[in-house]
Amino acid sequence: MNNRQWHKSAYSSGASNCVEVRGHADRADVRDTKNRAAGHITVDAAEWNAFVRAVKTDAL
């Protein structure tokens, strides 16, 4: 993951109650689309990728 632009999932269909992610080589920044001014959290890239895999496989 190395995309420094904020983006939402293609599945969000323009919804405003989503999160946005901005990828770096070793981490991902995540923020709430309804409250961007609140800032973001940063997680390790491996943790973010594990989360995305879990969501895709309904493991959560």
Protein backbone atom coordinates (compact mmCIF):
# COMPACT_ATOMS: atom_id res chain seq x y z
CA MET A 1 0.00 0.00 0.00
CA ASN A 2 1.61 3.22 -1.09
CA ASN A 3 -1.07 5.70 -2.10
CA ARG A 4 -0.77 9.08 -0.37
CA GLN A 5 -4.17 10.34 -1.50
CA TRP A 6 -7.25 9.92 0.70
CA HIS A 7 -9.82 7.54 -0.78
CA LYS A 8 -12.99 5.70 0.14
CA SER A 9 -14.02 2.23 -0.84
CA ALA A 10 -15.63 1.90 -4.25
CA TYR A 11 -18.48 0.15 -2.40
CA SER A 12 -19.40 3.32 -0.49
CA SER A 13 -21.46 4.61 -3.46
CA GLY A 14 -20.99 8.23 -2.46
CA ALA A 15 -22.23 7.66 1.09
CA SER A 16 -21.02 10.12 3.72
CA ASN A 17 -20.81 7.69 6.64
CA CYS A 18 -17.58 6.02 5.63
CA VAL A 19 -13.93 6.07 6.46
CA GLU A 20 -11.17 7.22 4.16
CA VAL A 21 -7.72 5.71 4.02
CA ARG A 22 -4.37 7.07 2.88
CA GLY A 23 -1.64 4.50 2.41
CA HIS A 24 2.08 4.72 2.99
CA ALA A 25 4.73 2.03 2.56
CA ASP A 26 4.58 0.95 6.20
CA ARG A 27 1.33 2.39 7.58
CA ALA A 28 -2.20 3.53 6.78
CA ASP A 29 -3.94 6.69 7.96
CA VAL A 30 -7.69 6.32 8.57
CA ARG A 31 -10.26 9.07 9.15
CA ASP A 32 -14.02 9.50 9.46
CA THR A 33 -15.62 11.18 6.44
CA LYS A 34 -18.21 12.87 8.67
CA ASN A 35 -15.57 14.48 10.86
CA ARG A 36 -12.37 14.98 8.88
CA ALA A 37 -11.37 17.91 11.08
CA ALA A 38 -10.97 15.50 14.02
CA GLY A 39 -7.84 14.12 12.40
CA HIS A 40 -6.90 10.53 11.70
CA ILE A 41 -5.47 7.43 13.30
CA THR A 42 -2.41 5.67 11.96
CA VAL A 43 -2.10 1.89 11.92
CA ASP A 44 0.64 -0.45 10.80
CA ALA A 45 0.21 -1.53 7.16
CA ALA A 46 0.16 -5.21 8.14
CA GLU A 47 -2.67 -4.54 10.63
CA TRP A 48 -4.65 -2.57 8.05
CA ASN A 49 -4.21 -5.30 5.44
CA ALA A 50 -5.33 -7.95 7.95
CA PHE A 51 -8.42 -5.86 8.74
CA VAL A 52 -9.29 -5.47 5.05
CA ARG A 53 -8.86 -9.23 4.47
CA ALA A 54 -11.12 -9.96 7.46
CA VAL A 55 -13.80 -7.62 6.16
CA LYS A 56 -13.64 -9.15 2.69
CA THR A 57 -14.07 -12.66 4.10
CA ASP A 58 -16.66 -11.69 6.75
CA ALA A 59 -14.29 -12.83 9.47
CA LEU A 60 -15.22 -9.94 11.78
